[in-house]
Amino acid sequence: MTRPKVHVRKGDTVMVITGKDKGKVGKVIRVIPAKRRVVVEGVNIVKKHVRPNPQNQQGGIIEMEAPLDSSNVMLVCTKCGRPTRIARRFLEDGTKVRACKKCGEIID
């Protein structure tokens, strides 16, 4: 069985292209390839009820980022600053890199 692939990596800057947070830009905190989901900083904020525990002595309601589907985010190019799809390019030494489809700049 093949592992599902996600087009973004941890640390990438992405833009949400659909849903309640459409248009928001944030950094990818975590990628969950098995479920094809990503957690983006400051996007898809949910309230969670937590019990008192050693980390959180008081408990209560906390706000946290929830995962969203990777198809709902688009990578933002570092050079042109626009959301773009990813092209795979090979360098002269044979290594595979990601490139912006709009301006051709290598992303990483």
PDB file of N, CA and C in Angstrom:
ATOM      1  N   MET A   1       0.841  -1.189   0.000  1.00  0.00           N
ATOM      2  CA  MET A   1       0.000   0.000   0.000  1.00  0.00           C
ATOM      3  C   MET A   1       0.884   1.249   0.000  1.00  0.00           C
ATOM      4  N   THR A   2       0.565   2.217  -0.823  1.00  0.00           N
ATOM      5  CA  THR A   2       1.370   3.423  -0.911  1.00  0.00           C
ATOM      6  C   THR A   2       0.960   4.428   0.152  1.00  0.00           C
ATOM      7  N   ARG A   3       1.939   5.208   0.598  1.00  0.00           N
ATOM      8  CA  ARG A   3       1.664   6.251   1.577  1.00  0.00           C
ATOM      9  C   ARG A   3       1.058   7.448   0.878  1.00  0.00           C
ATOM     10  N   PRO A   4       0.028   8.059   1.460  1.00  0.00           N
ATOM     11  CA  PRO A   4      -0.528   9.275   0.859  1.00  0.00           C
ATOM     12  C   PRO A   4       0.500  10.399   0.879  1.00  0.00           C
ATOM     13  N   LYS A   5       0.499  11.218  -0.152  1.00  0.00           N
ATOM     14  CA  LYS A   5       1.443  12.323  -0.217  1.00  0.00           C
ATOM     15  C   LYS A   5       0.718  13.640  -0.004  1.00  0.00           C
ATOM     16  N   VAL A   6       1.427  14.576   0.620  1.00  0.00           N
ATOM     17  CA  VAL A   6       0.898  15.913   0.850  1.00  0.00           C
ATOM     18  C   VAL A   6       1.833  16.887   0.148  1.00  0.00           C
ATOM     19  N   HIS A   7       1.281  17.873  -0.538  1.00  0.00           N
ATOM     20  CA  HIS A   7       2.087  18.773  -1.365  1.00  0.00           C
ATOM     21  C   HIS A   7       2.804  19.875  -0.583  1.00  0.00           C
ATOM     22  N   VAL A   8       2.562  19.974   0.726  1.00  0.00           N
ATOM     23  CA  VAL A   8       3.249  20.976   1.533  1.00  0.00           C
ATOM     24  C   VAL A   8       4.041  20.297   2.641  1.00  0.00           C
ATOM     25  N   ARG A   9       5.008  21.025   3.193  1.00  0.00           N
ATOM     26  CA  ARG A   9       5.853  20.505   4.257  1.00  0.00           C
ATOM     27  C   ARG A   9       5.745  21.403   5.481  1.00  0.00           C
ATOM     28  N   LYS A  10       6.218  20.888   6.598  1.00  0.00           N
ATOM     29  CA  LYS A  10       6.263  21.673   7.834  1.00  0.00           C
ATOM     30  C   LYS A  10       7.151  22.892   7.598  1.00  0.00           C
ATOM     31  N   GLY A  11       6.683  24.062   8.008  1.00  0.00           N
ATOM     32  CA  GLY A  11       7.450  25.293   7.839  1.00  0.00           C
ATOM     33  C   GLY A  11       7.088  26.088   6.595  1.00  0.00           C
ATOM     34  N   ASP A  12       6.337  25.499   5.666  1.00  0.00           N
ATOM     35  CA  ASP A  12       5.918  26.222   4.454  1.00  0.00           C
ATOM     36  C   ASP A  12       4.881  27.288   4.809  1.00  0.00           C
ATOM     37  N   THR A  13       4.871  28.368   4.032  1.00  0.00           N
ATOM     38  CA  THR A  13       3.833  29.385   4.161  1.00  0.00           C
ATOM     39  C   THR A  13       2.737  29.048   3.163  1.00  0.00           C
ATOM     40  N   VAL A  14       1.505  28.945   3.666  1.00  0.00           N
ATOM     41  CA  VAL A  14       0.386  28.561   2.811  1.00  0.00           C
ATOM     42  C   VAL A  14      -0.766  29.541   2.945  1.00  0.00           C
ATOM     43  N   MET A  15      -1.645  29.541   1.936  1.00  0.00           N
ATOM     44  CA  MET A  15      -2.857  30.345   1.957  1.00  0.00           C
ATOM     45  C   MET A  15      -4.049  29.398   1.896  1.00  0.00           C
ATOM     46  N   VAL A  16      -5.062  29.671   2.714  1.00  0.00           N
ATOM     47  CA  VAL A  16      -6.281  28.866   2.698  1.00  0.00           C
ATOM     48  C   VAL A  16      -7.117  29.332   1.513  1.00  0.00           C
ATOM     49  N   ILE A  17      -7.534  28.390   0.658  1.00  0.00           N
ATOM     50  CA  ILE A  17      -8.240  28.768  -0.564  1.00  0.00           C
ATOM     51  C   ILE A  17      -9.737  28.505  -0.497  1.00  0.00           C
ATOM     52  N   THR A  18     -10.210  27.842   0.557  1.00  0.00           N
ATOM     53  CA  THR A  18     -11.639  27.593   0.696  1.00  0.00           C
ATOM     54  C   THR A  18     -11.995  27.392   2.162  1.00  0.00           C
ATOM     55  N   GLY A  19     -13.264  27.592   2.489  1.00  0.00           N
ATOM     56  CA  GLY A  19     -13.725  27.386   3.855  1.00  0.00           C
ATOM     57  C   GLY A  19     -13.888  28.688   4.617  1.00  0.00           C
ATOM     58  N   LYS A  20     -14.118  28.557   5.930  1.00  0.00           N
ATOM     59  CA  LYS A  20     -14.408  29.731   6.751  1.00  0.00           C
ATOM     60  C   LYS A  20     -13.219  30.672   6.898  1.00  0.00           C
ATOM     61  N   ASP A  21     -11.993  30.166   6.723  1.00  0.00           N
ATOM     62  CA  ASP A  21     -10.790  30.989   6.855  1.00  0.00           C
ATOM     63  C   ASP A  21     -10.164  31.321   5.505  1.00  0.00           C
ATOM     64  N   LYS A  22     -10.967  31.347   4.452  1.00  0.00           N
ATOM     65  CA  LYS A  22     -10.471  31.606   3.100  1.00  0.00           C
ATOM     66  C   LYS A  22      -9.699  32.928   3.045  1.00  0.00           C
ATOM     67  N   GLY A  23      -8.507  32.880   2.423  1.00  0.00           N
ATOM     68  CA  GLY A  23      -7.689  34.074   2.272  1.00  0.00           C
ATOM     69  C   GLY A  23      -6.642  34.255   3.352  1.00  0.00           C
ATOM     70  N   LYS A  24      -6.745  33.527   4.456  1.00  0.00           N
ATOM     71  CA  LYS A  24      -5.762  33.659   5.534  1.00  0.00           C
ATOM     72  C   LYS A  24      -4.457  32.975   5.144  1.00  0.00           C
ATOM     73  N   VAL A  25      -3.353  33.576   5.578  1.00  0.00           N
ATOM     74  CA  VAL A  25      -2.021  33.042   5.298  1.00  0.00           C
ATOM     75  C   VAL A  25      -1.380  32.655   6.627  1.00  0.00           C
ATOM     76  N   GLY A  26      -0.721  31.518   6.642  1.00  0.00           N
ATOM     77  CA  GLY A  26      -0.064  31.059   7.862  1.00  0.00           C
ATOM     78  C   GLY A  26       1.013  30.041   7.565  1.00  0.00           C
ATOM     79  N   LYS A  27       1.742  29.670   8.602  1.00  0.00           N
ATOM     80  CA  LYS A  27       2.830  28.718   8.488  1.00  0.00           C
ATOM     81  C   LYS A  27       2.330  27.328   8.888  1.00  0.00           C
ATOM     82  N   VAL A  28       2.769  26.303   8.168  1.00  0.00           N
ATOM     83  CA  VAL A  28       2.374  24.933   8.483  1.00  0.00           C
ATOM     84  C   VAL A  28       3.109  24.487   9.749  1.00  0.00           C
ATOM     85  N   ILE A  29       2.337  24.126  10.783  1.00  0.00           N
ATOM     86  CA  ILE A  29       2.904  23.675  12.056  1.00  0.00           C
ATOM     87  C   ILE A  29       3.152  22.172  12.025  1.00  0.00           C
ATOM     88  N   ARG A  30       2.187  21.438  11.460  1.00  0.00           N
ATOM     89  CA  ARG A  30       2.260  19.987  11.470  1.00  0.00           C
ATOM     90  C   ARG A  30       1.586  19.425  10.223  1.00  0.00           C
ATOM     91  N   VAL A  31       2.142  18.330   9.691  1.00  0.00           N
ATOM     92  CA  VAL A  31       1.553  17.642   8.545  1.00  0.00           C
ATOM     93  C   VAL A  31       1.196  16.226   8.987  1.00  0.00           C
ATOM     94  N   ILE A  32      -0.017  15.786   8.650  1.00  0.00           N
ATOM     95  CA  ILE A  32      -0.471  14.436   8.977  1.00  0.00           C
ATOM     96  C   ILE A  32      -0.722  13.714   7.657  1.00  0.00           C
ATOM     97  N   PRO A  33       0.322  13.093   7.063  1.00  0.00           N
ATOM     98  CA  PRO A  33       0.179  12.493   5.731  1.00  0.00           C
ATOM     99  C   PRO A  33      -0.826  11.349   5.678  1.00  0.00           C
ATOM    100  N   ALA A  34      -0.947  10.564   6.746  1.00  0.00           N
ATOM    101  CA  ALA A  34      -1.867   9.419   6.743  1.00  0.00           C
ATOM    102  C   ALA A  34      -3.308   9.860   6.515  1.00  0.00           C
ATOM    103  N   LYS A  35      -3.656  11.052   6.996  1.00  0.00           N
ATOM    104  CA  LYS A  35      -5.021  11.574   6.835  1.00  0.00           C
ATOM    105  C   LYS A  35      -5.093  12.705   5.813  1.00  0.00           C
ATOM    106  N   ARG A  36      -3.970  13.036   5.185  1.00  0.00           N
ATOM    107  CA  ARG A  36      -3.870  14.145   4.216  1.00  0.00           C
ATOM    108  C   ARG A  36      -4.358  15.455   4.815  1.00  0.00           C
ATOM    109  N   ARG A  37      -3.909  15.751   6.027  1.00  0.00           N
ATOM    110  CA  ARG A  37      -4.336  16.966   6.711  1.00  0.00           C
ATOM    111  C   ARG A  37      -3.120  17.764   7.173  1.00  0.00           C
ATOM    112  N   VAL A  38      -3.325  19.080   7.336  1.00  0.00           N
ATOM    113  CA  VAL A  38      -2.266  19.972   7.813  1.00  0.00           C
ATOM    114  C   VAL A  38      -2.816  20.876   8.906  1.00  0.00           C
ATOM    115  N   VAL A  39      -1.930  21.275   9.813  1.00  0.00           N
ATOM    116  CA  VAL A  39      -2.292  22.235  10.854  1.00  0.00           C
ATOM    117  C   VAL A  39      -1.552  23.528  10.524  1.00  0.00           C
ATOM    118  N   VAL A  40      -2.296  24.617  10.366  1.00  0.00           N
ATOM    119  CA  VAL A  40      -1.725  25.909   9.970  1.00  0.00           C
ATOM    120  C   VAL A  40      -1.867  26.887  11.132  1.00  0.00           C
ATOM    121  N   GLU A  41      -0.797  27.634  11.376  1.00  0.00           N
ATOM    122  CA  GLU A  41      -0.742  28.596  12.478  1.00  0.00           C
ATOM    123  C   GLU A  41      -1.796  29.694  12.302  1.00  0.00           C
ATOM    124  N   GLY A  42      -2.672  29.848  13.305  1.00  0.00           N
ATOM    125  CA  GLY A  42      -3.668  30.909  13.293  1.00  0.00           C
ATOM    126  C   GLY A  42      -4.876  30.667  12.407  1.00  0.00           C
ATOM    127  N   VAL A  43      -5.042  29.448  11.911  1.00  0.00           N
ATOM    128  CA  VAL A  43      -6.137  29.126  11.003  1.00  0.00           C
ATOM    129  C   VAL A  43      -6.939  27.962  11.583  1.00  0.00           C
ATOM    130  N   ASN A  44      -8.253  27.971  11.365  1.00  0.00           N
ATOM    131  CA  ASN A  44      -9.156  26.920  11.827  1.00  0.00           C
ATOM    132  C   ASN A  44      -9.091  26.775  13.356  1.00  0.00           C
ATOM    133  N   ILE A  45      -9.256  27.888  14.045  1.00  0.00           N
ATOM    134  CA  ILE A  45      -9.216  27.919  15.508  1.00  0.00           C
ATOM    135  C   ILE A  45     -10.495  27.309  16.065  1.00  0.00           C
ATOM    136  N   VAL A  46     -10.336  26.350  16.993  1.00  0.00           N
ATOM    137  CA  VAL A  46     -11.473  25.724  17.658  1.00  0.00           C
ATOM    138  C   VAL A  46     -11.297  25.847  19.161  1.00  0.00           C
ATOM    139  N   LYS A  47     -12.405  25.746  19.896  1.00  0.00           N
ATOM    140  CA  LYS A  47     -12.349  25.776  21.352  1.00  0.00           C
ATOM    141  C   LYS A  47     -12.433  24.350  21.861  1.00  0.00           C
ATOM    142  N   LYS A  48     -11.549  24.004  22.792  1.00  0.00           N
ATOM    143  CA  LYS A  48     -11.507  22.657  23.329  1.00  0.00           C
ATOM    144  C   LYS A  48     -11.626  22.712  24.845  1.00  0.00           C
ATOM    145  N   HIS A  49     -12.491  21.879  25.394  1.00  0.00           N
ATOM    146  CA  HIS A  49     -12.645  21.796  26.839  1.00  0.00           C
ATOM    147  C   HIS A  49     -11.624  20.814  27.385  1.00  0.00           C
ATOM    148  N   VAL A  50     -10.789  21.262  28.322  1.00  0.00           N
ATOM    149  CA  VAL A  50      -9.753  20.389  28.874  1.00  0.00           C
ATOM    150  C   VAL A  50      -9.912  20.261  30.382  1.00  0.00           C
ATOM    151  N   ARG A  51      -9.601  19.076  30.881  1.00  0.00           N
ATOM    152  CA  ARG A  51      -9.637  18.837  32.318  1.00  0.00           C
ATOM    153  C   ARG A  51      -8.350  19.357  32.942  1.00  0.00           C
ATOM    154  N   PRO A  52      -8.366  19.619  34.222  1.00  0.00           N
ATOM    155  CA  PRO A  52      -7.117  19.977  34.896  1.00  0.00           C
ATOM    156  C   PRO A  52      -6.115  18.824  34.804  1.00  0.00           C
ATOM    157  N   ASN A  53      -4.876  19.154  34.474  1.00  0.00           N
ATOM    158  CA  ASN A  53      -3.814  18.157  34.378  1.00  0.00           C
ATOM    159  C   ASN A  53      -2.491  18.805  34.769  1.00  0.00           C
ATOM    160  N   PRO A  54      -1.400  18.059  34.841  1.00  0.00           N
ATOM    161  CA  PRO A  54      -0.127  18.661  35.265  1.00  0.00           C
ATOM    162  C   PRO A  54       0.323  19.861  34.412  1.00  0.00           C
ATOM    163  N   GLN A  55       0.045  19.843  33.090  1.00  0.00           N
ATOM    164  CA  GLN A  55       0.431  20.976  32.235  1.00  0.00           C
ATOM    165  C   GLN A  55      -0.516  22.162  32.414  1.00  0.00           C
ATOM    166  N   ASN A  56      -1.796  21.870  32.592  1.00  0.00           N
ATOM    167  CA  ASN A  56      -2.805  22.909  32.713  1.00  0.00           C
ATOM    168  C   ASN A  56      -3.523  22.707  34.054  1.00  0.00           C
ATOM    169  N   GLN A  57      -3.025  23.366  35.095  1.00  0.00           N
ATOM    170  CA  GLN A  57      -3.523  23.146  36.456  1.00  0.00           C
ATOM    171  C   GLN A  57      -5.009  23.475  36.606  1.00  0.00           C
ATOM    172  N   GLN A  58      -5.472  24.472  35.865  1.00  0.00           N
ATOM    173  CA  GLN A  58      -6.824  24.948  36.069  1.00  0.00           C
ATOM    174  C   GLN A  58      -7.858  24.270  35.171  1.00  0.00           C
ATOM    175  N   GLY A  59      -7.445  23.828  34.002  1.00  0.00           N
ATOM    176  CA  GLY A  59      -8.413  23.290  33.048  1.00  0.00           C
ATOM    177  C   GLY A  59      -9.184  24.423  32.404  1.00  0.00           C
ATOM    178  N   GLY A  60     -10.326  24.123  31.820  1.00  0.00           N
ATOM    179  CA  GLY A  60     -11.155  25.155  31.207  1.00  0.00           C
ATOM    180  C   GLY A  60     -11.221  25.006  29.702  1.00  0.00           C
ATOM    181  N   ILE A  61     -11.497  26.108  29.038  1.00  0.00           N
ATOM    182  CA  ILE A  61     -11.656  26.114  27.586  1.00  0.00           C
ATOM    183  C   ILE A  61     -10.420  26.767  26.974  1.00  0.00           C
ATOM    184  N   ILE A  62      -9.751  26.037  26.065  1.00  0.00           N
ATOM    185  CA  ILE A  62      -8.585  26.595  25.385  1.00  0.00           C
ATOM    186  C   ILE A  62      -8.886  26.695  23.891  1.00  0.00           C
ATOM    187  N   GLU A  63      -8.203  27.617  23.232  1.00  0.00           N
ATOM    188  CA  GLU A  63      -8.336  27.748  21.781  1.00  0.00           C
ATOM    189  C   GLU A  63      -7.101  27.146  21.139  1.00  0.00           C
ATOM    190  N   MET A  64      -7.310  26.337  20.105  1.00  0.00           N
ATOM    191  CA  MET A  64      -6.197  25.688  19.426  1.00  0.00           C
ATOM    192  C   MET A  64      -6.500  25.553  17.937  1.00  0.00           C
ATOM    193  N   GLU A  65      -5.445  25.332  17.155  1.00  0.00           N
ATOM    194  CA  GLU A  65      -5.605  25.132  15.719  1.00  0.00           C
ATOM    195  C   GLU A  65      -5.986  23.679  15.457  1.00  0.00           C
ATOM    196  N   ALA A  66      -6.997  23.460  14.644  1.00  0.00           N
ATOM    197  CA  ALA A  66      -7.417  22.116  14.271  1.00  0.00           C
ATOM    198  C   ALA A  66      -6.896  21.806  12.866  1.00  0.00           C
ATOM    199  N   PRO A  67      -6.677  20.528  12.558  1.00  0.00           N
ATOM    200  CA  PRO A  67      -6.212  20.175  11.216  1.00  0.00           C
ATOM    201  C   PRO A  67      -7.263  20.489  10.157  1.00  0.00           C
ATOM    202  N   LEU A  68      -6.802  20.833   8.954  1.00  0.00           N
ATOM    203  CA  LEU A  68      -7.702  21.005   7.831  1.00  0.00           C
ATOM    204  C   LEU A  68      -7.152  20.237   6.647  1.00  0.00           C
ATOM    205  N   ASP A  69      -7.991  19.947   5.686  1.00  0.00           N
ATOM    206  CA  ASP A  69      -7.583  19.122   4.557  1.00  0.00           C
ATOM    207  C   ASP A  69      -6.511  19.819   3.735  1.00  0.00           C
ATOM    208  N   SER A  70      -5.516  19.054   3.287  1.00  0.00           N
ATOM    209  CA  SER A  70      -4.404  19.654   2.551  1.00  0.00           C
ATOM    210  C   SER A  70      -4.838  20.226   1.206  1.00  0.00           C
ATOM    211  N   SER A  71      -5.979  19.753   0.674  1.00  0.00           N
ATOM    212  CA  SER A  71      -6.463  20.279  -0.603  1.00  0.00           C
ATOM    213  C   SER A  71      -7.022  21.692  -0.451  1.00  0.00           C
ATOM    214  N   ASN A  72      -7.248  22.131   0.779  1.00  0.00           N
ATOM    215  CA  ASN A  72      -7.803  23.463   1.022  1.00  0.00           C
ATOM    216  C   ASN A  72      -6.726  24.528   1.202  1.00  0.00           C
ATOM    217  N   VAL A  73      -5.457  24.147   1.091  1.00  0.00           N
ATOM    218  CA  VAL A  73      -4.375  25.127   1.213  1.00  0.00           C
ATOM    219  C   VAL A  73      -3.513  25.106  -0.039  1.00  0.00           C
ATOM    220  N   MET A  74      -2.890  26.246  -0.311  1.00  0.00           N
ATOM    221  CA  MET A  74      -2.027  26.389  -1.475  1.00  0.00           C
ATOM    222  C   MET A  74      -0.728  27.038  -1.040  1.00  0.00           C
ATOM    223  N   LEU A  75       0.390  26.526  -1.501  1.00  0.00           N
ATOM    224  CA  LEU A  75       1.699  27.046  -1.148  1.00  0.00           C
ATOM    225  C   LEU A  75       1.877  28.468  -1.667  1.00  0.00           C
ATOM    226  N   VAL A  76       2.454  29.351  -0.850  1.00  0.00           N
ATOM    227  CA  VAL A  76       2.720  30.727  -1.254  1.00  0.00           C
ATOM    228  C   VAL A  76       4.198  30.822  -1.632  1.00  0.00           C
ATOM    229  N   CYS A  77       4.476  31.308  -2.836  1.00  0.00           N
ATOM    230  CA  CYS A  77       5.848  31.445  -3.331  1.00  0.00           C
ATOM    231  C   CYS A  77       6.584  32.519  -2.532  1.00  0.00           C
ATOM    232  N   THR A  78       7.840  32.252  -2.189  1.00  0.00           N
ATOM    233  CA  THR A  78       8.626  33.212  -1.416  1.00  0.00           C
ATOM    234  C   THR A  78       9.059  34.407  -2.259  1.00  0.00           C
ATOM    235  N   LYS A  79       9.206  34.218  -3.574  1.00  0.00           N
ATOM    236  CA  LYS A  79       9.666  35.316  -4.432  1.00  0.00           C
ATOM    237  C   LYS A  79       8.525  36.214  -4.902  1.00  0.00           C
ATOM    238  N   CYS A  80       7.500  35.599  -5.534  1.00  0.00           N
ATOM    239  CA  CYS A  80       6.417  36.421  -6.086  1.00  0.00           C
ATOM    240  C   CYS A  80       5.294  36.678  -5.077  1.00  0.00           C
ATOM    241  N   GLY A  81       5.256  35.927  -3.980  1.00  0.00           N
ATOM    242  CA  GLY A  81       4.283  36.164  -2.924  1.00  0.00           C
ATOM    243  C   GLY A  81       2.857  35.777  -3.255  1.00  0.00           C
ATOM    244  N   ARG A  82       2.662  34.988  -4.316  1.00  0.00           N
ATOM    245  CA  ARG A  82       1.324  34.568  -4.713  1.00  0.00           C
ATOM    246  C   ARG A  82       1.140  33.080  -4.441  1.00  0.00           C
ATOM    247  N   PRO A  83      -0.104  32.643  -4.184  1.00  0.00           N
ATOM    248  CA  PRO A  83      -0.331  31.205  -4.032  1.00  0.00           C
ATOM    249  C   PRO A  83      -0.102  30.510  -5.366  1.00  0.00           C
ATOM    250  N   THR A  84       0.548  29.363  -5.329  1.00  0.00           N
ATOM    251  CA  THR A  84       0.931  28.693  -6.562  1.00  0.00           C
ATOM    252  C   THR A  84       0.915  27.184  -6.408  1.00  0.00           C
ATOM    253  N   ARG A  85       0.852  26.505  -7.534  1.00  0.00           N
ATOM    254  CA  ARG A  85       1.032  25.054  -7.527  1.00  0.00           C
ATOM    255  C   ARG A  85       2.535  24.781  -7.575  1.00  0.00           C
ATOM    256  N   ILE A  86       2.888  23.516  -7.367  1.00  0.00           N
ATOM    257  CA  ILE A  86       4.300  23.162  -7.280  1.00  0.00           C
ATOM    258  C   ILE A  86       4.715  22.372  -8.509  1.00  0.00           C
ATOM    259  N   ALA A  87       5.872  22.756  -9.082  1.00  0.00           N
ATOM    260  CA  ALA A  87       6.465  22.005 -10.183  1.00  0.00           C
ATOM    261  C   ALA A  87       7.673  21.263  -9.625  1.00  0.00           C
ATOM    262  N   ARG A  88       7.911  20.056 -10.106  1.00  0.00           N
ATOM    263  CA  ARG A  88       9.087  19.288  -9.688  1.00  0.00           C
ATOM    264  C   ARG A  88      10.164  19.487 -10.748  1.00  0.00           C
ATOM    265  N   ARG A  89      11.354  19.910 -10.323  1.00  0.00           N
ATOM    266  CA  ARG A  89      12.464  20.141 -11.251  1.00  0.00           C
ATOM    267  C   ARG A  89      13.686  19.354 -10.784  1.00  0.00           C
ATOM    268  N   PHE A  90      14.498  18.948 -11.733  1.00  0.00           N
ATOM    269  CA  PHE A  90      15.751  18.271 -11.418  1.00  0.00           C
ATOM    270  C   PHE A  90      16.899  19.234 -11.648  1.00  0.00           C
ATOM    271  N   LEU A  91      17.817  19.307 -10.689  1.00  0.00           N
ATOM    272  CA  LEU A  91      19.006  20.135 -10.841  1.00  0.00           C
ATOM    273  C   LEU A  91      20.072  19.340 -11.595  1.00  0.00           C
ATOM    274  N   GLU A  92      21.186  20.014 -11.931  1.00  0.00           N
ATOM    275  CA  GLU A  92      22.262  19.372 -12.693  1.00  0.00           C
ATOM    276  C   GLU A  92      22.850  18.169 -11.956  1.00  0.00           C
ATOM    277  N   ASP A  93      22.888  18.249 -10.604  1.00  0.00           N
ATOM    278  CA  ASP A  93      23.474  17.146  -9.831  1.00  0.00           C
ATOM    279  C   ASP A  93      22.477  16.012  -9.586  1.00  0.00           C
ATOM    280  N   GLY A  94      21.273  16.090 -10.151  1.00  0.00           N
ATOM    281  CA  GLY A  94      20.295  15.014 -10.060  1.00  0.00           C
ATOM    282  C   GLY A  94      19.316  15.115  -8.913  1.00  0.00           C
ATOM    283  N   THR A  95      19.424  16.158  -8.084  1.00  0.00           N
ATOM    284  CA  THR A  95      18.495  16.292  -6.958  1.00  0.00           C
ATOM    285  C   THR A  95      17.174  16.889  -7.434  1.00  0.00           C
ATOM    286  N   LYS A  96      16.080  16.435  -6.821  1.00  0.00           N
ATOM    287  CA  LYS A  96      14.747  16.913  -7.189  1.00  0.00           C
ATOM    288  C   LYS A  96      14.362  18.051  -6.251  1.00  0.00           C
ATOM    289  N   VAL A  97      13.885  19.176  -6.786  1.00  0.00           N
ATOM    290  CA  VAL A  97      13.484  20.334  -5.986  1.00  0.00           C
ATOM    291  C   VAL A  97      12.079  20.773  -6.382  1.00  0.00           C
ATOM    292  N   ARG A  98      11.469  21.580  -5.501  1.00  0.00           N
ATOM    293  CA  ARG A  98      10.151  22.149  -5.791  1.00  0.00           C
ATOM    294  C   ARG A  98      10.349  23.541  -6.394  1.00  0.00           C
ATOM    295  N   ALA A  99       9.511  23.888  -7.361  1.00  0.00           N
ATOM    296  CA  ALA A  99       9.607  25.197  -8.005  1.00  0.00           C
ATOM    297  C   ALA A  99       8.212  25.788  -8.151  1.00  0.00           C
ATOM    298  N   CYS A 100       8.156  27.120  -8.197  1.00  0.00           N
ATOM    299  CA  CYS A 100       6.902  27.848  -8.381  1.00  0.00           C
ATOM    300  C   CYS A 100       6.464  27.711  -9.831  1.00  0.00           C
ATOM    301  N   LYS A 101       5.178  27.384 -10.042  1.00  0.00           N
ATOM    302  CA  LYS A 101       4.663  27.256 -11.407  1.00  0.00           C
ATOM    303  C   LYS A 101       4.508  28.612 -12.093  1.00  0.00           C
ATOM    304  N   LYS A 102       4.391  29.693 -11.282  1.00  0.00           N
ATOM    305  CA  LYS A 102       4.130  31.008 -11.870  1.00  0.00           C
ATOM    306  C   LYS A 102       5.406  31.742 -12.255  1.00  0.00           C
ATOM    307  N   CYS A 103       6.417  31.731 -11.347  1.00  0.00           N
ATOM    308  CA  CYS A 103       7.636  32.494 -11.656  1.00  0.00           C
ATOM    309  C   CYS A 103       8.847  31.607 -11.880  1.00  0.00           C
ATOM    310  N   GLY A 104       8.744  30.307 -11.587  1.00  0.00           N
ATOM    311  CA  GLY A 104       9.851  29.384 -11.820  1.00  0.00           C
ATOM    312  C   GLY A 104      10.902  29.353 -10.733  1.00  0.00           C
ATOM    313  N   GLU A 105      10.724  30.145  -9.679  1.00  0.00           N
ATOM    314  CA  GLU A 105      11.699  30.210  -8.591  1.00  0.00           C
ATOM    315  C   GLU A 105      11.696  28.906  -7.789  1.00  0.00           C
ATOM    316  N   ILE A 106      12.890  28.464  -7.386  1.00  0.00           N
ATOM    317  CA  ILE A 106      13.012  27.248  -6.578  1.00  0.00           C
ATOM    318  C   ILE A 106      12.550  27.561  -5.156  1.00  0.00           C
ATOM    319  N   ILE A 107      11.690  26.706  -4.604  1.00  0.00           N
ATOM    320  CA  ILE A 107      11.142  26.893  -3.268  1.00  0.00           C
ATOM    321  C   ILE A 107      11.853  25.974  -2.305  1.00  0.00           C
ATOM    322  N   ASP A 108      12.374  26.541  -1.210  1.00  0.00           N
ATOM    323  CA  ASP A 108      12.923  25.786  -0.086  1.00  0.00           C
ATOM    324  C   ASP A 108      13.827  26.571   0.779  1.00  0.00           C
TER     325      ASP A 108
END
